[in-house]
Amino acid sequence: MYLAYDAVGWFGMPEEVAYYPTLIRTGVDGKGVAILRYADFTVTLNVGKTSNSFLPSEINGLRDAIVMDNPAELGQITYQDKDGQEHAIGRNPIPIQCWPRRATSQPLSMTQAITRRNT
């Protein structure tokens, strides 16, 4: 559930968490949906070991989004405005190798990439 670590690193500890697993034959979760509730917004995470997705990850606003190619490595980050136009806001931020470093470096990399955006 590295994506959960990413979400907590970016947004802080949620007020409430729910996880809805899809169990495989052995009784463990093969995939699932985690919902992290905050005071002013909700984060939904689709995670899994038994399925693949080639879609980018997104942080959605009301009419815009931040799109990441891979939240674990943050190779490219773009801002997609309300008209669907993409604006590069980060490319090749600090690579993240493992969880202990992720806890501090990844949110910092994300913040640096977003605040360096040229509009």
N, C-alpha and C. Protein backbone atom coordinates (compact mmCIF):
# COMPACT_ATOMS: atom_id res chain seq x y z
N MET A 1 0.82 -1.18 0.00
CA MET A 1 0.00 0.00 0.00
C MET A 1 0.87 1.25 0.00
N TYR A 2 1.87 1.26 -0.86
CA TYR A 2 2.74 2.43 -0.94
C TYR A 2 1.95 3.68 -1.30
N LEU A 3 0.90 3.54 -2.07
CA LEU A 3 0.10 4.69 -2.45
C LEU A 3 -0.53 5.35 -1.22
N ALA A 4 -0.88 4.55 -0.22
CA ALA A 4 -1.41 5.10 1.03
C ALA A 4 -0.34 5.93 1.73
N TYR A 5 0.91 5.46 1.72
CA TYR A 5 2.00 6.24 2.29
C TYR A 5 2.14 7.57 1.56
N ASP A 6 2.02 7.54 0.24
CA ASP A 6 2.11 8.76 -0.55
C ASP A 6 1.01 9.74 -0.15
N ALA A 7 -0.22 9.25 -0.07
CA ALA A 7 -1.35 10.11 0.27
C ALA A 7 -1.18 10.73 1.64
N VAL A 8 -0.77 9.95 2.63
CA VAL A 8 -0.57 10.48 3.97
C VAL A 8 0.59 11.48 3.97
N GLY A 9 1.63 11.20 3.19
CA GLY A 9 2.75 12.14 3.09
C GLY A 9 2.34 13.46 2.48
N TRP A 10 1.45 13.42 1.49
CA TRP A 10 1.01 14.64 0.81
C TRP A 10 -0.04 15.41 1.60
N PHE A 11 -1.00 14.69 2.20
CA PHE A 11 -2.17 15.34 2.78
C PHE A 11 -2.25 15.25 4.30
N GLY A 12 -1.37 14.46 4.93
CA GLY A 12 -1.42 14.28 6.38
C GLY A 12 -2.30 13.10 6.75
N MET A 13 -2.44 12.88 8.06
CA MET A 13 -3.25 11.77 8.54
C MET A 13 -4.72 12.09 8.34
N PRO A 14 -5.46 11.15 7.76
CA PRO A 14 -6.90 11.38 7.57
C PRO A 14 -7.65 11.27 8.89
N GLU A 15 -8.85 11.85 8.90
CA GLU A 15 -9.70 11.76 10.09
C GLU A 15 -10.37 10.39 10.18
N GLU A 16 -10.59 9.77 9.02
CA GLU A 16 -11.27 8.48 8.98
C GLU A 16 -10.77 7.70 7.77
N VAL A 17 -10.66 6.38 7.92
CA VAL A 17 -10.19 5.52 6.84
C VAL A 17 -11.11 4.31 6.71
N ALA A 18 -11.42 3.95 5.46
CA ALA A 18 -12.16 2.71 5.21
C ALA A 18 -11.45 1.98 4.07
N TYR A 19 -11.39 0.66 4.16
CA TYR A 19 -10.76 -0.15 3.11
C TYR A 19 -11.72 -1.25 2.71
N TYR A 20 -11.96 -1.38 1.41
CA TYR A 20 -12.86 -2.38 0.87
C TYR A 20 -12.07 -3.34 -0.02
N PRO A 21 -11.64 -4.46 0.55
CA PRO A 21 -10.79 -5.39 -0.19
C PRO A 21 -11.59 -6.33 -1.09
N THR A 22 -10.92 -6.80 -2.13
CA THR A 22 -11.40 -7.92 -2.93
C THR A 22 -10.47 -9.08 -2.58
N LEU A 23 -11.03 -10.08 -1.92
CA LEU A 23 -10.22 -11.19 -1.43
C LEU A 23 -10.00 -12.24 -2.52
N ILE A 24 -8.80 -12.83 -2.50
CA ILE A 24 -8.52 -13.93 -3.42
C ILE A 24 -8.70 -15.25 -2.66
N ARG A 25 -8.51 -16.37 -3.34
CA ARG A 25 -8.78 -17.69 -2.75
C ARG A 25 -8.08 -17.95 -1.42
N THR A 26 -6.90 -17.39 -1.24
CA THR A 26 -6.15 -17.63 0.00
C THR A 26 -6.68 -16.81 1.17
N GLY A 27 -7.59 -15.88 0.89
CA GLY A 27 -8.17 -15.07 1.95
C GLY A 27 -7.53 -13.71 2.14
N VAL A 28 -6.46 -13.43 1.40
CA VAL A 28 -5.83 -12.11 1.48
C VAL A 28 -6.41 -11.21 0.41
N ASP A 29 -6.20 -9.92 0.60
CA ASP A 29 -6.72 -8.98 -0.40
C ASP A 29 -5.83 -8.98 -1.64
N GLY A 30 -6.45 -9.11 -2.79
CA GLY A 30 -5.73 -9.03 -4.05
C GLY A 30 -5.74 -7.62 -4.60
N LYS A 31 -6.80 -6.90 -4.28
CA LYS A 31 -6.92 -5.49 -4.66
C LYS A 31 -7.99 -4.89 -3.77
N GLY A 32 -8.14 -3.58 -3.84
CA GLY A 32 -9.16 -2.95 -3.02
C GLY A 32 -9.22 -1.46 -3.24
N VAL A 33 -10.17 -0.86 -2.55
CA VAL A 33 -10.37 0.59 -2.60
C VAL A 33 -10.25 1.11 -1.18
N ALA A 34 -9.39 2.10 -0.98
CA ALA A 34 -9.23 2.75 0.31
C ALA A 34 -9.80 4.16 0.20
N ILE A 35 -10.56 4.55 1.20
CA ILE A 35 -11.12 5.90 1.23
C ILE A 35 -10.59 6.60 2.46
N LEU A 36 -9.90 7.70 2.24
CA LEU A 36 -9.32 8.51 3.32
C LEU A 36 -10.14 9.79 3.40
N ARG A 37 -10.77 10.02 4.53
CA ARG A 37 -11.61 11.21 4.70
C ARG A 37 -10.87 12.27 5.50
N TYR A 38 -10.85 13.48 4.94
CA TYR A 38 -10.26 14.64 5.59
C TYR A 38 -11.38 15.65 5.87
N ALA A 39 -11.08 16.71 6.58
CA ALA A 39 -12.10 17.70 6.93
C ALA A 39 -12.79 18.29 5.71
N ASP A 40 -12.01 18.60 4.66
CA ASP A 40 -12.57 19.31 3.51
C ASP A 40 -12.56 18.53 2.21
N PHE A 41 -12.07 17.29 2.22
CA PHE A 41 -11.99 16.51 0.98
C PHE A 41 -11.84 15.04 1.31
N THR A 42 -11.98 14.23 0.28
CA THR A 42 -11.84 12.78 0.39
C THR A 42 -10.82 12.30 -0.63
N VAL A 43 -9.97 11.35 -0.24
CA VAL A 43 -9.00 10.73 -1.13
C VAL A 43 -9.43 9.29 -1.36
N THR A 44 -9.53 8.89 -2.63
CA THR A 44 -9.88 7.52 -2.98
C THR A 44 -8.68 6.87 -3.64
N LEU A 45 -8.25 5.73 -3.12
CA LEU A 45 -7.10 5.01 -3.64
C LEU A 45 -7.55 3.65 -4.18
N ASN A 46 -7.23 3.36 -5.43
CA ASN A 46 -7.47 2.04 -6.00
C ASN A 46 -6.13 1.32 -6.02
N VAL A 47 -6.02 0.25 -5.26
CA VAL A 47 -4.74 -0.45 -5.11
C VAL A 47 -4.91 -1.92 -5.43
N GLY A 48 -3.84 -2.58 -5.83
CA GLY A 48 -3.96 -4.00 -6.08
C GLY A 48 -2.68 -4.69 -6.47
N LYS A 49 -2.64 -5.97 -6.15
CA LYS A 49 -1.53 -6.83 -6.53
C LYS A 49 -1.94 -7.77 -7.65
N THR A 50 -3.23 -7.85 -7.90
CA THR A 50 -3.73 -8.81 -8.89
C THR A 50 -4.25 -8.12 -10.15
N SER A 51 -3.98 -6.83 -10.27
CA SER A 51 -4.41 -6.12 -11.48
C SER A 51 -3.36 -5.08 -11.82
N ASN A 52 -3.34 -4.69 -13.07
CA ASN A 52 -2.42 -3.67 -13.56
C ASN A 52 -3.21 -2.51 -14.13
N SER A 53 -2.64 -1.33 -14.03
CA SER A 53 -3.21 -0.17 -14.70
C SER A 53 -2.06 0.59 -15.33
N PHE A 54 -2.28 1.07 -16.51
CA PHE A 54 -1.27 1.87 -17.19
C PHE A 54 -1.69 3.33 -17.25
N LEU A 55 -2.72 3.67 -16.47
CA LEU A 55 -3.19 5.05 -16.39
C LEU A 55 -2.32 5.83 -15.41
N PRO A 56 -2.20 7.13 -15.61
CA PRO A 56 -1.45 7.93 -14.64
C PRO A 56 -2.27 8.10 -13.36
N SER A 57 -1.62 8.57 -12.32
CA SER A 57 -2.31 8.89 -11.07
C SER A 57 -2.71 10.35 -11.11
N GLU A 58 -3.83 10.68 -10.47
CA GLU A 58 -4.32 12.05 -10.50
C GLU A 58 -4.74 12.51 -9.11
N ILE A 59 -4.54 13.80 -8.89
CA ILE A 59 -5.13 14.50 -7.76
C ILE A 59 -6.13 15.45 -8.40
N ASN A 60 -7.42 15.19 -8.18
CA ASN A 60 -8.46 15.94 -8.87
C ASN A 60 -8.97 17.09 -8.02
N GLY A 61 -9.10 18.25 -8.66
CA GLY A 61 -9.75 19.41 -8.05
C GLY A 61 -11.17 19.48 -8.58
N LEU A 62 -11.81 20.62 -8.43
CA LEU A 62 -13.18 20.76 -8.92
C LEU A 62 -13.24 20.70 -10.44
N ARG A 63 -12.30 21.38 -11.11
CA ARG A 63 -12.30 21.41 -12.57
C ARG A 63 -10.91 21.18 -13.17
N ASP A 64 -9.95 20.83 -12.33
CA ASP A 64 -8.59 20.66 -12.81
C ASP A 64 -7.96 19.47 -12.09
N ALA A 65 -6.73 19.14 -12.47
CA ALA A 65 -6.07 17.98 -11.87
C ALA A 65 -4.56 18.11 -11.94
N ILE A 66 -3.89 17.46 -11.02
CA ILE A 66 -2.45 17.25 -11.08
C ILE A 66 -2.28 15.80 -11.49
N VAL A 67 -1.52 15.55 -12.56
CA VAL A 67 -1.36 14.22 -13.11
C VAL A 67 0.10 13.78 -12.95
N MET A 68 0.29 12.58 -12.40
CA MET A 68 1.63 12.04 -12.15
C MET A 68 1.78 10.74 -12.91
N ASP A 69 2.93 10.56 -13.54
CA ASP A 69 3.16 9.30 -14.26
C ASP A 69 3.31 8.13 -13.30
N ASN A 70 3.90 8.35 -12.15
CA ASN A 70 4.13 7.28 -11.18
C ASN A 70 4.34 7.93 -9.81
N PRO A 71 3.38 7.84 -8.90
CA PRO A 71 3.55 8.51 -7.61
C PRO A 71 4.71 7.99 -6.78
N ALA A 72 5.18 6.77 -7.06
CA ALA A 72 6.31 6.22 -6.31
C ALA A 72 7.63 6.82 -6.75
N GLU A 73 7.73 7.29 -7.99
CA GLU A 73 8.99 7.82 -8.49
C GLU A 73 8.88 9.25 -9.00
N LEU A 74 7.69 9.73 -9.26
CA LEU A 74 7.45 11.11 -9.70
C LEU A 74 8.38 11.52 -10.85
N GLY A 75 8.31 10.79 -11.95
CA GLY A 75 9.12 11.12 -13.10
C GLY A 75 8.63 12.35 -13.85
N GLN A 76 7.30 12.52 -13.94
CA GLN A 76 6.74 13.68 -14.63
C GLN A 76 5.43 14.07 -13.95
N ILE A 77 5.25 15.36 -13.72
CA ILE A 77 4.04 15.88 -13.11
C ILE A 77 3.51 17.00 -14.00
N THR A 78 2.21 16.95 -14.31
CA THR A 78 1.60 18.00 -15.11
C THR A 78 0.35 18.52 -14.40
N TYR A 79 0.03 19.77 -14.70
CA TYR A 79 -1.21 20.38 -14.23
C TYR A 79 -2.14 20.43 -15.42
N GLN A 80 -3.34 19.89 -15.28
CA GLN A 80 -4.32 19.89 -16.36
C GLN A 80 -5.42 20.87 -15.94
N ASP A 81 -5.55 21.96 -16.70
CA ASP A 81 -6.51 23.00 -16.34
C ASP A 81 -7.94 22.62 -16.72
N LYS A 82 -8.88 23.50 -16.43
CA LYS A 82 -10.30 23.21 -16.64
C LYS A 82 -10.65 22.99 -18.10
N ASP A 83 -9.80 23.46 -19.02
CA ASP A 83 -10.03 23.27 -20.46
C ASP A 83 -9.34 22.02 -20.99
N GLY A 84 -8.66 21.27 -20.11
CA GLY A 84 -7.98 20.05 -20.52
C GLY A 84 -6.57 20.29 -21.03
N GLN A 85 -6.09 21.51 -20.95
CA GLN A 85 -4.73 21.83 -21.40
C GLN A 85 -3.73 21.37 -20.33
N GLU A 86 -2.66 20.72 -20.78
CA GLU A 86 -1.64 20.24 -19.85
C GLU A 86 -0.49 21.23 -19.76
N HIS A 87 -0.02 21.44 -18.55
CA HIS A 87 1.10 22.34 -18.28
C HIS A 87 2.12 21.57 -17.45
N ALA A 88 3.33 21.42 -17.95
CA ALA A 88 4.38 20.69 -17.21
C ALA A 88 4.73 21.48 -15.95
N ILE A 89 4.71 20.81 -14.82
CA ILE A 89 5.10 21.47 -13.57
C ILE A 89 6.24 20.75 -12.89
N GLY A 90 6.67 19.64 -13.44
CA GLY A 90 7.79 18.94 -12.85
C GLY A 90 8.24 17.79 -13.73
N ARG A 91 9.53 17.63 -13.83
CA ARG A 91 10.08 16.52 -14.59
C ARG A 91 11.32 16.05 -13.85
N ASN A 92 11.39 14.75 -13.62
CA ASN A 92 12.53 14.12 -12.95
C ASN A 92 12.85 14.76 -11.60
N PRO A 93 11.83 14.90 -10.70
CA PRO A 93 12.14 15.36 -9.35
C PRO A 93 13.03 14.35 -8.64
N ILE A 94 13.36 14.62 -7.40
CA ILE A 94 14.25 13.76 -6.63
C ILE A 94 13.71 12.32 -6.66
N PRO A 95 14.49 11.35 -7.13
CA PRO A 95 13.99 9.96 -7.15
C PRO A 95 13.82 9.43 -5.74
N ILE A 96 12.77 8.66 -5.56
CA ILE A 96 12.48 8.08 -4.25
C ILE A 96 12.77 6.59 -4.33
N GLN A 97 13.61 6.09 -3.45
CA GLN A 97 14.06 4.70 -3.52
C GLN A 97 13.34 3.77 -2.55
N CYS A 98 13.05 4.23 -1.35
CA CYS A 98 12.48 3.32 -0.36
C CYS A 98 11.61 4.07 0.64
N TRP A 99 10.82 3.34 1.40
CA TRP A 99 9.85 3.96 2.30
C TRP A 99 10.45 4.96 3.30
N PRO A 100 11.52 4.66 4.06
CA PRO A 100 11.98 5.65 5.03
C PRO A 100 12.31 6.99 4.37
N ARG A 101 12.87 6.95 3.19
CA ARG A 101 13.19 8.19 2.50
C ARG A 101 11.93 8.81 1.91
N ARG A 102 10.98 7.98 1.49
CA ARG A 102 9.73 8.46 0.91
C ARG A 102 8.98 9.35 1.88
N ALA A 103 9.04 9.02 3.16
CA ALA A 103 8.24 9.74 4.15
C ALA A 103 8.55 11.22 4.16
N THR A 104 9.77 11.60 3.81
CA THR A 104 10.12 13.02 3.82
C THR A 104 10.42 13.55 2.43
N SER A 105 11.08 12.78 1.60
CA SER A 105 11.53 13.28 0.30
C SER A 105 10.41 13.42 -0.72
N GLN A 106 9.51 12.47 -0.78
CA GLN A 106 8.51 12.52 -1.83
C GLN A 106 7.57 13.70 -1.69
N PRO A 107 6.99 13.97 -0.51
CA PRO A 107 6.15 15.15 -0.43
C PRO A 107 6.93 16.42 -0.73
N LEU A 108 8.19 16.48 -0.32
CA LEU A 108 9.02 17.63 -0.62
C LEU A 108 9.22 17.75 -2.12
N SER A 109 9.51 16.65 -2.81
CA SER A 109 9.67 16.68 -4.26
C SER A 109 8.41 17.16 -4.94
N MET A 110 7.27 16.66 -4.50
CA MET A 110 6.00 17.05 -5.08
C MET A 110 5.76 18.53 -4.87
N THR A 111 5.98 19.00 -3.64
CA THR A 111 5.78 20.41 -3.33
C THR A 111 6.71 21.28 -4.16
N GLN A 112 7.98 20.89 -4.26
CA GLN A 112 8.93 21.66 -5.04
C GLN A 112 8.52 21.71 -6.51
N ALA A 113 8.08 20.61 -7.05
CA ALA A 113 7.67 20.56 -8.47
C ALA A 113 6.47 21.47 -8.70
N ILE A 114 5.53 21.44 -7.79
CA ILE A 114 4.32 22.26 -7.97
C ILE A 114 4.63 23.74 -7.81
N THR A 115 5.44 24.10 -6.82
CA THR A 115 5.71 25.52 -6.59
C THR A 115 6.66 26.11 -7.62
N ARG A 116 7.40 25.28 -8.34
CA ARG A 116 8.29 25.78 -9.41
C ARG A 116 7.58 25.93 -10.73
N ARG A 117 6.28 25.62 -10.78
CA ARG A 117 5.52 25.64 -12.02
C ARG A 117 5.54 27.04 -12.64
N ASN A 118 5.78 27.09 -13.95
CA ASN A 118 5.71 28.35 -14.69
C ASN A 118 4.34 28.43 -15.33
N THR A 119 3.58 29.49 -15.03
CA THR A 119 2.26 29.63 -15.63
C THR A 119 2.23 30.76 -16.63
